[in-house]
Protein backbone atom coordinates (compact mmCIF):
# COMPACT_ATOMS: atom_id res chain seq x y z
CA UNK A 1 99.93 139.55 128.38
CA UNK A 2 96.98 141.28 129.89
CA UNK A 3 94.26 139.43 128.13
CA UNK A 4 95.61 136.03 129.54
CA UNK A 5 95.00 135.25 133.09
CA UNK A 6 96.67 132.35 135.08
CA UNK A 7 93.36 130.49 134.86
CA UNK A 8 92.78 130.92 131.03
CA UNK A 9 96.48 130.07 130.30
CA UNK A 10 96.20 127.10 132.35
CA UNK A 11 93.08 125.71 130.66
CA UNK A 12 94.72 126.47 127.17
CA UNK A 13 97.77 124.29 128.53
CA UNK A 14 95.51 121.46 129.59
CA UNK A 15 93.75 121.41 126.25
CA UNK A 16 96.90 121.57 124.17
CA UNK A 17 97.98 118.59 126.00
CA UNK A 18 94.84 116.67 125.51
CA UNK A 19 95.14 117.64 121.84
CA UNK A 20 98.53 116.23 121.55
CA UNK A 21 97.55 113.28 123.55
CA UNK A 22 94.60 112.43 121.03
CA UNK A 23 96.91 112.98 118.17
CA UNK A 24 99.20 110.47 119.59
CA UNK A 25 96.48 107.52 120.19
CA UNK A 26 95.30 108.08 116.43
CA UNK A 27 98.80 107.99 115.24
CA UNK A 28 99.29 104.74 117.26
CA UNK A 29 95.95 103.30 115.73
CA UNK A 30 96.66 104.31 112.24
CA UNK A 31 100.10 103.16 112.18
CA UNK A 32 99.33 99.52 113.45
CA UNK A 33 96.65 98.94 110.68
CA UNK A 34 97.56 96.76 108.18
CA UNK A 35 96.94 97.95 104.69
CA UNK A 36 96.62 95.50 101.74
CA UNK A 37 99.17 97.08 99.17
CA UNK A 38 99.72 95.25 96.22
CA UNK A 39 103.18 93.98 96.04
CA UNK A 40 105.10 91.52 93.76
CA UNK A 41 106.30 91.71 90.15
CA UNK A 42 102.96 92.21 88.63
CA UNK A 43 102.68 95.71 90.05
CA UNK A 44 106.11 97.38 91.06
CA UNK A 45 106.10 99.46 94.07
CA UNK A 46 108.41 102.19 92.20
CA UNK A 47 107.24 103.28 88.67
CA UNK A 48 109.71 102.50 85.82
CA UNK A 49 110.20 105.77 84.16
CA UNK A 50 112.03 104.05 81.09
CA UNK A 51 109.11 101.72 80.17
CA UNK A 52 107.13 102.91 77.10
CA UNK A 53 103.77 101.36 78.39
């Protein structure tokens, strides 16, 4: 790998770790959000394919 010297390779490694870290933080933030999903008998979560509505 003549085009990538040690400095550039190190910077790419640090950038990759930072990108993965930011993605982890975003996943934790989005995963902890409460989404108001309709539940109950009026709107079932799984569609009934046998109904003829």
